Amino acid sequence: MCGKAFEDPMHRPELDDIPQEDPSFRGYTFNQLRGMSPEELKAGGFKPFASLPNEDFVYDFWYSILGEVARPVEWVDEAEKNAVMKLINQVWQEGLLGTFNHLETIRVNARSPAVIFERDRMQPYEDFARNLWRTYKSLTQHAVKAAGLNVGFLWEGNQQAFENALSSFDFTGDPLFDLQFIHILRSLRAAHQELREFRNGVLEHVGVVDATRFAHCYQSGWADETFENISNGCLYLVMFALWRRFPRHLTVAEIPKDKRPPDYPTRFRVAHHPVLHLLAQFGKGPTGAD
């Protein structure tokens, strides 16, 4: 499922000589910042941190995508870079953060012993589903398309149409990228089907499907799991869109959660391509961009 780290089909050394950003923030480590209260963050001059939820998706986008994966991208010019980065920020700042607000309401209601009207209990789930689907299908698709990755076929209603489009997709020719990209697209498609049917068939077009099949979509456990899967889907699509524009000798490694450095547990790392970097050392491959 898309919530788990994908396995690399080839072994690669851990970040040997790739220059990395300073992992500290004015002397504080990543985990120290996450452990501070909003008041402590504001007092220390970290106001942006104080206003954000202490959730993995925030740090995955902020540090792993914007701070790590975006660095080696080959842009046409500064205007293109700024335009794409603005759209990527909309994915998590406007889309996922807005959806998370509904998820927080769901969590609070689930923990609360107070009796509330059923319509009031159900409404946050419906707002959550609508907002999450918009973030995934509209905002994310728009962002990755601006970066040059057109994957509109991912949301095709017909499975055969999806498979046909996938078979004719303009792949990179790099098996390290292509094989993982195919795996992620198929995993995402499987993960989003229920959300799509709930949003389209129950909420937007009443009576299209049997609503009793989706009674579990009004449970907090479903909302938590769906948010994790779909937010990971947005993250992966953005990551692949940026990776596709790397110099050929670089690639992306996803570090399993239990192996991330404790002081700076970034999810994605830029690394040398295990094959092309080796060839370059012997003068038989690219040493940088084509």
C-alpha atoms as a PDB file:
ATOM      1  CA  MET A   1       0.000   0.000   0.000  1.00  0.00           C
ATOM      2  CA  CYS A   2       1.156   3.515  -0.616  1.00  0.00           C
ATOM      3  CA  GLY A   3       1.701   4.179   3.079  1.00  0.00           C
ATOM      4  CA  LYS A   4       4.816   1.985   3.113  1.00  0.00           C
ATOM      5  CA  ALA A   5       8.273   2.681   1.769  1.00  0.00           C
ATOM      6  CA  PHE A   6       8.823   1.181  -1.665  1.00  0.00           C
ATOM      7  CA  GLU A   7      11.767  -1.159  -2.041  1.00  0.00           C
ATOM      8  CA  ASP A   8      14.579  -0.247  -4.408  1.00  0.00           C
ATOM      9  CA  PRO A   9      15.172  -2.965  -7.035  1.00  0.00           C
ATOM     10  CA  MET A  10      18.925  -2.202  -6.857  1.00  0.00           C
ATOM     11  CA  HIS A  11      21.211  -1.690  -3.899  1.00  0.00           C
ATOM     12  CA  ARG A  12      22.637   1.790  -3.470  1.00  0.00           C
ATOM     13  CA  PRO A  13      25.076   3.229  -0.878  1.00  0.00           C
ATOM     14  CA  GLU A  14      23.642   5.561   1.756  1.00  0.00           C
ATOM     15  CA  LEU A  15      24.178   9.152   0.678  1.00  0.00           C
ATOM     16  CA  ASP A  16      27.917   8.909   0.315  1.00  0.00           C
ATOM     17  CA  ASP A  17      29.122  12.136  -1.264  1.00  0.00           C
ATOM     18  CA  ILE A  18      25.896  13.945  -2.171  1.00  0.00           C
ATOM     19  CA  PRO A  19      26.041  17.429  -0.595  1.00  0.00           C
ATOM     20  CA  GLN A  20      23.289  17.820   1.992  1.00  0.00           C
ATOM     21  CA  GLU A  21      21.647  20.818   3.578  1.00  0.00           C
ATOM     22  CA  ASP A  22      22.521  21.692   7.184  1.00  0.00           C
ATOM     23  CA  PRO A  23      20.028  19.560   9.162  1.00  0.00           C
ATOM     24  CA  SER A  24      19.899  21.998  12.086  1.00  0.00           C
ATOM     25  CA  PHE A  25      17.618  25.014  12.440  1.00  0.00           C
ATOM     26  CA  ARG A  26      19.452  27.741  14.386  1.00  0.00           C
ATOM     27  CA  GLY A  27      21.007  25.053  16.546  1.00  0.00           C
ATOM     28  CA  TYR A  28      17.848  22.977  17.019  1.00  0.00           C
ATOM     29  CA  THR A  29      17.450  19.513  15.544  1.00  0.00           C
ATOM     30  CA  PHE A  30      14.373  18.429  13.656  1.00  0.00           C
ATOM     31  CA  ASN A  31      13.052  16.351  16.553  1.00  0.00           C
ATOM     32  CA  GLN A  32      13.699  19.117  19.092  1.00  0.00           C
ATOM     33  CA  LEU A  33      11.470  21.433  17.066  1.00  0.00           C
ATOM     34  CA  ARG A  34       8.749  18.806  16.839  1.00  0.00           C
ATOM     35  CA  GLY A  35       8.867  18.420  20.614  1.00  0.00           C
ATOM     36  CA  MET A  36       8.317  22.109  21.348  1.00  0.00           C
ATOM     37  CA  SER A  37       4.986  23.619  22.286  1.00  0.00           C
ATOM     38  CA  PRO A  38       3.485  26.352  20.041  1.00  0.00           C
ATOM     39  CA  GLU A  39       4.433  28.914  22.685  1.00  0.00           C
ATOM     40  CA  GLU A  40       8.064  27.732  22.771  1.00  0.00           C
ATOM     41  CA  LEU A  41       8.254  27.782  18.986  1.00  0.00           C
ATOM     42  CA  LYS A  42       6.946  31.345  18.803  1.00  0.00           C
ATOM     43  CA  ALA A  43       9.359  32.484  21.521  1.00  0.00           C
ATOM     44  CA  GLY A  44      12.265  30.893  19.640  1.00  0.00           C
ATOM     45  CA  GLY A  45      11.409  32.618  16.372  1.00  0.00           C
ATOM     46  CA  PHE A  46       9.868  29.585  14.698  1.00  0.00           C
ATOM     47  CA  LYS A  47       6.386  31.002  14.187  1.00  0.00           C
ATOM     48  CA  PRO A  48       5.643  29.006  10.972  1.00  0.00           C
ATOM     49  CA  PHE A  49       6.185  25.758  12.896  1.00  0.00           C
ATOM     50  CA  ALA A  50       3.867  26.896  15.677  1.00  0.00           C
ATOM     51  CA  SER A  51       0.896  27.271  13.352  1.00  0.00           C
ATOM     52  CA  LEU A  52       1.225  23.806  11.770  1.00  0.00           C
ATOM     53  CA  PRO A  53       0.059  20.433  13.089  1.00  0.00           C
ATOM     54  CA  ASN A  54       2.799  18.132  14.323  1.00  0.00           C
ATOM     55  CA  GLU A  55       2.033  15.548  11.633  1.00  0.00           C
ATOM     56  CA  ASP A  56       4.262  13.535   9.308  1.00  0.00           C
ATOM     57  CA  PHE A  57       2.728  14.882   6.101  1.00  0.00           C
ATOM     58  CA  VAL A  58       3.761  18.448   7.024  1.00  0.00           C
ATOM     59  CA  TYR A  59       7.399  17.482   7.489  1.00  0.00           C
ATOM     60  CA  ASP A  60       7.407  15.121   4.508  1.00  0.00           C
ATOM     61  CA  PHE A  61       6.418  17.990   2.212  1.00  0.00           C
ATOM     62  CA  TRP A  62       8.326  20.765   3.942  1.00  0.00           C
ATOM     63  CA  TYR A  63      11.661  19.037   4.440  1.00  0.00           C
ATOM     64  CA  SER A  64      11.747  15.945   2.222  1.00  0.00           C
ATOM     65  CA  ILE A  65      10.122  17.483  -0.863  1.00  0.00           C
ATOM     66  CA  LEU A  66      10.875  21.207  -0.707  1.00  0.00           C
ATOM     67  CA  GLY A  67      14.160  20.926   1.183  1.00  0.00           C
ATOM     68  CA  GLU A  68      15.607  17.781  -0.367  1.00  0.00           C
ATOM     69  CA  VAL A  69      13.999  16.434  -3.550  1.00  0.00           C
ATOM     70  CA  ALA A  70      13.459  19.842  -5.191  1.00  0.00           C
ATOM     71  CA  ARG A  71      17.136  20.837  -4.960  1.00  0.00           C
ATOM     72  CA  PRO A  72      18.591  18.932  -7.980  1.00  0.00           C
ATOM     73  CA  VAL A  73      15.652  19.559 -10.354  1.00  0.00           C
ATOM     74  CA  GLU A  74      16.640  21.006 -13.719  1.00  0.00           C
ATOM     75  CA  TRP A  75      14.250  23.901 -14.333  1.00  0.00           C
ATOM     76  CA  VAL A  76      13.769  25.753 -17.597  1.00  0.00           C
ATOM     77  CA  ASP A  77      14.118  29.039 -15.724  1.00  0.00           C
ATOM     78  CA  GLU A  78      13.383  30.654 -12.372  1.00  0.00           C
ATOM     79  CA  ALA A  79       9.833  31.526 -13.431  1.00  0.00           C
ATOM     80  CA  GLU A  80       8.994  27.862 -14.054  1.00  0.00           C
ATOM     81  CA  LYS A  81      10.529  26.858 -10.726  1.00  0.00           C
ATOM     82  CA  ASN A  82       8.516  29.451  -8.819  1.00  0.00           C
ATOM     83  CA  ALA A  83       5.274  28.499 -10.579  1.00  0.00           C
ATOM     84  CA  VAL A  84       5.666  24.771  -9.871  1.00  0.00           C
ATOM     85  CA  MET A  85       6.763  25.314  -6.271  1.00  0.00           C
ATOM     86  CA  LYS A  86       3.710  27.505  -5.692  1.00  0.00           C
ATOM     87  CA  LEU A  87       1.421  24.725  -6.928  1.00  0.00           C
ATOM     88  CA  ILE A  88       3.196  22.112  -4.795  1.00  0.00           C
ATOM     89  CA  ASN A  89       2.760  24.323  -1.750  1.00  0.00           C
ATOM     90  CA  GLN A  90      -0.955  24.548  -2.532  1.00  0.00           C
ATOM     91  CA  VAL A  91      -1.179  20.751  -2.384  1.00  0.00           C
ATOM     92  CA  TRP A  92      -0.134  20.554   1.254  1.00  0.00           C
ATOM     93  CA  GLN A  93      -0.878  24.041   2.579  1.00  0.00           C
ATOM     94  CA  GLU A  94      -4.285  24.586   1.010  1.00  0.00           C
ATOM     95  CA  GLY A  95      -5.319  21.003   0.309  1.00  0.00           C
ATOM     96  CA  LEU A  96      -3.932  18.645   2.942  1.00  0.00           C
ATOM     97  CA  LEU A  97      -3.926  21.148   5.799  1.00  0.00           C
ATOM     98  CA  GLY A  98      -7.537  22.055   5.025  1.00  0.00           C
ATOM     99  CA  THR A  99      -8.484  18.382   4.959  1.00  0.00           C
ATOM    100  CA  PHE A 100      -6.598  17.773   8.182  1.00  0.00           C
ATOM    101  CA  ASN A 101      -8.762  20.373   9.935  1.00  0.00           C
ATOM    102  CA  HIS A 102     -11.798  18.208   9.155  1.00  0.00           C
ATOM    103  CA  LEU A 103      -9.904  15.123  10.346  1.00  0.00           C
ATOM    104  CA  GLU A 104      -9.157  16.855  13.647  1.00  0.00           C
ATOM    105  CA  THR A 105     -12.880  17.552  14.113  1.00  0.00           C
ATOM    106  CA  ILE A 106     -13.600  13.879  13.419  1.00  0.00           C
ATOM    107  CA  ARG A 107     -11.019  12.824  16.012  1.00  0.00           C
ATOM    108  CA  VAL A 108     -12.371  15.225  18.633  1.00  0.00           C
ATOM    109  CA  ASN A 109     -15.949  14.046  18.077  1.00  0.00           C
ATOM    110  CA  ALA A 110     -14.865  10.401  18.299  1.00  0.00           C
ATOM    111  CA  ARG A 111     -13.179  11.048  21.669  1.00  0.00           C
ATOM    112  CA  SER A 112     -15.954  13.205  23.061  1.00  0.00           C
ATOM    113  CA  PRO A 113     -18.535  11.616  25.353  1.00  0.00           C
ATOM    114  CA  ALA A 114     -20.978  14.407  24.553  1.00  0.00           C
ATOM    115  CA  VAL A 115     -24.081  13.489  22.578  1.00  0.00           C
ATOM    116  CA  ILE A 116     -24.313  15.285  19.220  1.00  0.00           C
ATOM    117  CA  PHE A 117     -26.893  15.145  16.462  1.00  0.00           C
ATOM    118  CA  GLU A 118     -26.146  12.471  13.861  1.00  0.00           C
ATOM    119  CA  ARG A 119     -26.129  15.046  11.077  1.00  0.00           C
ATOM    120  CA  ASP A 120     -23.507  17.060  12.969  1.00  0.00           C
ATOM    121  CA  ARG A 121     -21.445  13.910  13.472  1.00  0.00           C
ATOM    122  CA  MET A 122     -21.590  12.950   9.802  1.00  0.00           C
ATOM    123  CA  GLN A 123     -20.881  16.365   8.282  1.00  0.00           C
ATOM    124  CA  PRO A 124     -17.113  16.448   9.046  1.00  0.00           C
ATOM    125  CA  TYR A 125     -16.687  13.089   7.281  1.00  0.00           C
ATOM    126  CA  GLU A 126     -18.371  14.411   4.170  1.00  0.00           C
ATOM    127  CA  ASP A 127     -16.360  17.642   4.205  1.00  0.00           C
ATOM    128  CA  PHE A 128     -13.233  15.558   4.763  1.00  0.00           C
ATOM    129  CA  ALA A 129     -13.937  13.276   1.786  1.00  0.00           C
ATOM    130  CA  ARG A 130     -14.763  16.139  -0.589  1.00  0.00           C
ATOM    131  CA  ASN A 131     -11.694  18.136   0.376  1.00  0.00           C
ATOM    132  CA  LEU A 132      -9.317  15.180   0.266  1.00  0.00           C
ATOM    133  CA  TRP A 133     -10.528  14.102  -3.169  1.00  0.00           C
ATOM    134  CA  ARG A 134     -10.132  17.663  -4.499  1.00  0.00           C
ATOM    135  CA  THR A 135      -6.599  17.847  -3.085  1.00  0.00           C
ATOM    136  CA  TYR A 136      -5.628  14.532  -4.642  1.00  0.00           C
ATOM    137  CA  LYS A 137      -7.362  14.706  -8.006  1.00  0.00           C
ATOM    138  CA  SER A 138      -7.275  18.451  -8.743  1.00  0.00           C
ATOM    139  CA  LEU A 139      -4.508  20.208  -6.809  1.00  0.00           C
ATOM    140  CA  THR A 140      -1.969  17.380  -7.036  1.00  0.00           C
ATOM    141  CA  GLN A 141      -2.708  16.613 -10.661  1.00  0.00           C
ATOM    142  CA  HIS A 142      -2.328  20.305 -11.520  1.00  0.00           C
ATOM    143  CA  ALA A 143       0.994  20.561  -9.669  1.00  0.00           C
ATOM    144  CA  VAL A 144       2.622  17.496 -11.212  1.00  0.00           C
ATOM    145  CA  LYS A 145       1.361  18.392 -14.692  1.00  0.00           C
ATOM    146  CA  ALA A 146       2.997  21.813 -14.369  1.00  0.00           C
ATOM    147  CA  ALA A 147       6.224  19.953 -13.558  1.00  0.00           C
ATOM    148  CA  GLY A 148       5.841  17.914 -16.753  1.00  0.00           C
ATOM    149  CA  LEU A 149       4.205  14.739 -15.424  1.00  0.00           C
ATOM    150  CA  ASN A 150       0.787  14.133 -16.970  1.00  0.00           C
ATOM    151  CA  VAL A 151      -0.936  11.303 -15.111  1.00  0.00           C
ATOM    152  CA  GLY A 152      -4.577  12.204 -15.667  1.00  0.00           C
ATOM    153  CA  PHE A 153      -5.221   8.577 -16.632  1.00  0.00           C
ATOM    154  CA  LEU A 154      -4.696   7.607 -12.960  1.00  0.00           C
ATOM    155  CA  TRP A 155      -8.240   8.802 -12.253  1.00  0.00           C
ATOM    156  CA  GLU A 156      -9.840   7.076 -15.270  1.00  0.00           C
ATOM    157  CA  GLY A 157     -13.060   5.363 -14.245  1.00  0.00           C
ATOM    158  CA  ASN A 158     -12.442   2.424 -16.557  1.00  0.00           C
ATOM    159  CA  GLN A 159      -9.664   0.030 -15.501  1.00  0.00           C
ATOM    160  CA  GLN A 160      -8.843  -0.999 -19.061  1.00  0.00           C
ATOM    161  CA  ALA A 161      -8.507   2.634 -20.123  1.00  0.00           C
ATOM    162  CA  PHE A 162      -6.058   3.116 -17.250  1.00  0.00           C
ATOM    163  CA  GLU A 163      -4.016   0.082 -18.291  1.00  0.00           C
ATOM    164  CA  ASN A 164      -3.974   1.187 -21.932  1.00  0.00           C
ATOM    165  CA  ALA A 165      -2.745   4.658 -20.989  1.00  0.00           C
ATOM    166  CA  LEU A 166      -0.130   3.182 -18.669  1.00  0.00           C
ATOM    167  CA  SER A 167       1.197   0.903 -21.408  1.00  0.00           C
ATOM    168  CA  SER A 168       1.685   3.870 -23.758  1.00  0.00           C
ATOM    169  CA  PHE A 169       3.068   6.268 -21.133  1.00  0.00           C
ATOM    170  CA  ASP A 170       6.260   8.162 -21.950  1.00  0.00           C
ATOM    171  CA  PHE A 171       8.593   6.445 -19.495  1.00  0.00           C
ATOM    172  CA  THR A 172      12.128   7.597 -18.803  1.00  0.00           C
ATOM    173  CA  GLY A 173      13.923   4.425 -19.854  1.00  0.00           C
ATOM    174  CA  ASP A 174      15.491   4.214 -16.393  1.00  0.00           C
ATOM    175  CA  PRO A 175      14.201   0.997 -14.770  1.00  0.00           C
ATOM    176  CA  LEU A 176      14.930   2.356 -11.301  1.00  0.00           C
ATOM    177  CA  PHE A 177      12.371   5.106 -11.917  1.00  0.00           C
ATOM    178  CA  ASP A 178       9.954   3.355 -14.268  1.00  0.00           C
ATOM    179  CA  LEU A 179       9.371   0.138 -12.289  1.00  0.00           C
ATOM    180  CA  GLN A 180       8.708   1.991  -9.030  1.00  0.00           C
ATOM    181  CA  PHE A 181       6.505   4.538 -10.789  1.00  0.00           C
ATOM    182  CA  ILE A 182       4.314   1.802 -12.288  1.00  0.00           C
ATOM    183  CA  HIS A 183       4.056   0.137  -8.867  1.00  0.00           C
ATOM    184  CA  ILE A 184       3.071   3.382  -7.158  1.00  0.00           C
ATOM    185  CA  LEU A 185       0.446   4.275  -9.784  1.00  0.00           C
ATOM    186  CA  ARG A 186      -1.230   0.877  -9.459  1.00  0.00           C
ATOM    187  CA  SER A 187      -1.099   1.073  -5.646  1.00  0.00           C
ATOM    188  CA  LEU A 188      -2.587   4.573  -5.639  1.00  0.00           C
ATOM    189  CA  ARG A 189      -5.377   3.580  -7.985  1.00  0.00           C
ATOM    190  CA  ALA A 190      -6.322   0.687  -5.713  1.00  0.00           C
ATOM    191  CA  ALA A 191      -6.114   2.936  -2.634  1.00  0.00           C
ATOM    192  CA  HIS A 192      -8.335   5.719  -3.965  1.00  0.00           C
ATOM    193  CA  GLN A 193     -11.245   3.685  -5.354  1.00  0.00           C
ATOM    194  CA  GLU A 194     -13.337   3.705  -2.193  1.00  0.00           C
ATOM    195  CA  LEU A 195     -12.853   7.429  -1.592  1.00  0.00           C
ATOM    196  CA  ARG A 196     -13.792   8.138  -5.211  1.00  0.00           C
ATOM    197  CA  GLU A 197     -16.984   6.047  -4.995  1.00  0.00           C
ATOM    198  CA  PHE A 198     -17.958   7.540  -1.636  1.00  0.00           C
ATOM    199  CA  ARG A 199     -17.407  11.102  -2.803  1.00  0.00           C
ATOM    200  CA  ASN A 200     -18.931  10.694  -6.281  1.00  0.00           C
ATOM    201  CA  GLY A 201     -21.644   8.114  -5.691  1.00  0.00           C
ATOM    202  CA  VAL A 202     -22.859   8.985  -2.192  1.00  0.00           C
ATOM    203  CA  LEU A 203     -22.074  12.661  -1.596  1.00  0.00           C
ATOM    204  CA  GLU A 204     -22.218  14.311  -5.026  1.00  0.00           C
ATOM    205  CA  HIS A 205     -24.653  12.102  -6.957  1.00  0.00           C
ATOM    206  CA  VAL A 206     -27.062  10.707  -4.413  1.00  0.00           C
ATOM    207  CA  GLY A 207     -28.519   7.320  -5.319  1.00  0.00           C
ATOM    208  CA  VAL A 208     -25.847   6.290  -7.829  1.00  0.00           C
ATOM    209  CA  VAL A 209     -24.571   3.605  -5.431  1.00  0.00           C
ATOM    210  CA  ASP A 210     -25.984   1.847  -2.388  1.00  0.00           C
ATOM    211  CA  ALA A 211     -25.066   4.228   0.454  1.00  0.00           C
ATOM    212  CA  THR A 212     -25.241   1.438   3.049  1.00  0.00           C
ATOM    213  CA  ARG A 213     -22.039   0.021   1.544  1.00  0.00           C
ATOM    214  CA  PHE A 214     -20.233   3.129   2.803  1.00  0.00           C
ATOM    215  CA  ALA A 215     -21.504   3.258   6.387  1.00  0.00           C
ATOM    216  CA  HIS A 216     -17.936   2.587   7.596  1.00  0.00           C
ATOM    217  CA  CYS A 217     -16.825   5.829   5.896  1.00  0.00           C
ATOM    218  CA  TYR A 218     -18.389   7.613   8.863  1.00  0.00           C
ATOM    219  CA  GLN A 219     -15.912   6.049  11.306  1.00  0.00           C
ATOM    220  CA  SER A 220     -12.775   7.787  12.566  1.00  0.00           C
ATOM    221  CA  GLY A 221     -10.559   4.798  11.781  1.00  0.00           C
ATOM    222  CA  TRP A 222     -11.540   4.965   8.115  1.00  0.00           C
ATOM    223  CA  ALA A 223     -10.797   8.688   7.992  1.00  0.00           C
ATOM    224  CA  ASP A 224      -7.354   8.260   9.569  1.00  0.00           C
ATOM    225  CA  GLU A 225      -6.369   5.425   7.226  1.00  0.00           C
ATOM    226  CA  THR A 226      -7.734   7.175   4.138  1.00  0.00           C
ATOM    227  CA  PHE A 227      -5.926  10.405   4.964  1.00  0.00           C
ATOM    228  CA  GLU A 228      -2.644   8.544   5.410  1.00  0.00           C
ATOM    229  CA  ASN A 229      -3.012   6.671   2.113  1.00  0.00           C
ATOM    230  CA  ILE A 230      -4.139   9.637   0.006  1.00  0.00           C
ATOM    231  CA  SER A 231      -1.721  12.159   1.528  1.00  0.00           C
ATOM    232  CA  ASN A 232       1.046   9.658   0.791  1.00  0.00           C
ATOM    233  CA  GLY A 233      -0.311   9.432  -2.742  1.00  0.00           C
ATOM    234  CA  CYS A 234      -0.036  13.200  -3.188  1.00  0.00           C
ATOM    235  CA  LEU A 235       3.497  13.056  -1.793  1.00  0.00           C
ATOM    236  CA  TYR A 236       4.615  10.258  -4.121  1.00  0.00           C
ATOM    237  CA  LEU A 237       3.194  11.908  -7.225  1.00  0.00           C
ATOM    238  CA  VAL A 238       4.990  15.172  -6.432  1.00  0.00           C
ATOM    239  CA  MET A 239       8.212  13.294  -5.652  1.00  0.00           C
ATOM    240  CA  PHE A 240       8.135  11.393  -8.961  1.00  0.00           C
ATOM    241  CA  ALA A 241       7.338  14.570 -10.919  1.00  0.00           C
ATOM    242  CA  LEU A 242      10.454  16.231  -9.488  1.00  0.00           C
ATOM    243  CA  TRP A 243      12.654  13.136  -9.705  1.00  0.00           C
ATOM    244  CA  ARG A 244      11.807  12.813 -13.401  1.00  0.00           C
ATOM    245  CA  ARG A 245      13.669  16.104 -13.956  1.00  0.00           C
ATOM    246  CA  PHE A 246      16.866  15.196 -12.132  1.00  0.00           C
ATOM    247  CA  PRO A 247      20.243  14.990 -13.872  1.00  0.00           C
ATOM    248  CA  ARG A 248      20.543  11.390 -15.006  1.00  0.00           C
ATOM    249  CA  HIS A 249      23.247  10.448 -12.498  1.00  0.00           C
ATOM    250  CA  LEU A 250      20.986  11.235  -9.509  1.00  0.00           C
ATOM    251  CA  THR A 251      18.022   9.387  -8.094  1.00  0.00           C
ATOM    252  CA  VAL A 252      15.754   9.331  -5.023  1.00  0.00           C
ATOM    253  CA  ALA A 253      15.915   6.882  -2.136  1.00  0.00           C
ATOM    254  CA  GLU A 254      13.100   6.490   0.362  1.00  0.00           C
ATOM    255  CA  ILE A 255      14.378   5.696   3.827  1.00  0.00           C
ATOM    256  CA  PRO A 256      12.194   3.336   5.912  1.00  0.00           C
ATOM    257  CA  LYS A 257      10.835   5.109   8.986  1.00  0.00           C
ATOM    258  CA  ASP A 258      12.805   2.995  11.472  1.00  0.00           C
ATOM    259  CA  LYS A 259      16.091   3.782   9.686  1.00  0.00           C
ATOM    260  CA  ARG A 260      15.801   7.549   9.408  1.00  0.00           C
ATOM    261  CA  PRO A 261      18.390   9.575  11.349  1.00  0.00           C
ATOM    262  CA  PRO A 262      16.751  10.485  14.676  1.00  0.00           C
ATOM    263  CA  ASP A 263      17.774  14.152  14.575  1.00  0.00           C
ATOM    264  CA  TYR A 264      16.672  14.702  10.968  1.00  0.00           C
ATOM    265  CA  PRO A 265      14.299  11.903   9.892  1.00  0.00           C
ATOM    266  CA  THR A 266      13.819  13.018   6.296  1.00  0.00           C
ATOM    267  CA  ARG A 267      11.766  10.580   4.240  1.00  0.00           C
ATOM    268  CA  PHE A 268      13.422  11.015   0.828  1.00  0.00           C
ATOM    269  CA  ARG A 269      17.103  11.430   0.074  1.00  0.00           C
ATOM    270  CA  VAL A 270      18.882  12.354  -3.115  1.00  0.00           C
ATOM    271  CA  ALA A 271      21.488   9.739  -4.004  1.00  0.00           C
ATOM    272  CA  HIS A 272      23.749   8.764  -6.870  1.00  0.00           C
ATOM    273  CA  HIS A 273      22.131   6.511  -9.433  1.00  0.00           C
ATOM    274  CA  PRO A 274      23.706   3.109  -8.593  1.00  0.00           C
ATOM    275  CA  VAL A 275      24.347   2.214 -12.247  1.00  0.00           C
ATOM    276  CA  LEU A 276      24.988   5.524 -14.016  1.00  0.00           C
ATOM    277  CA  HIS A 277      27.231   6.824 -11.240  1.00  0.00           C
ATOM    278  CA  LEU A 278      29.346   3.657 -11.451  1.00  0.00           C
ATOM    279  CA  LEU A 279      29.622   3.971 -15.242  1.00  0.00           C
ATOM    280  CA  ALA A 280      30.603   7.625 -14.936  1.00  0.00           C
ATOM    281  CA  GLN A 281      33.508   6.689 -12.687  1.00  0.00           C
ATOM    282  CA  PHE A 282      34.902   4.607 -15.537  1.00  0.00           C
ATOM    283  CA  GLY A 283      34.196   7.235 -18.186  1.00  0.00           C
ATOM    284  CA  LYS A 284      31.318   5.264 -19.720  1.00  0.00           C
ATOM    285  CA  GLY A 285      28.339   7.271 -18.576  1.00  0.00           C
ATOM    286  CA  PRO A 286      27.106  10.762 -17.768  1.00  0.00           C
ATOM    287  CA  THR A 287      28.777  12.652 -14.956  1.00  0.00           C
ATOM    288  CA  GLY A 288      25.971  15.185 -14.763  1.00  0.00           C
ATOM    289  CA  ALA A 289      23.055  16.386 -16.804  1.00  0.00           C
ATOM    290  CA  ASP A 290      22.738  15.310 -20.429  1.00  0.00           C
END
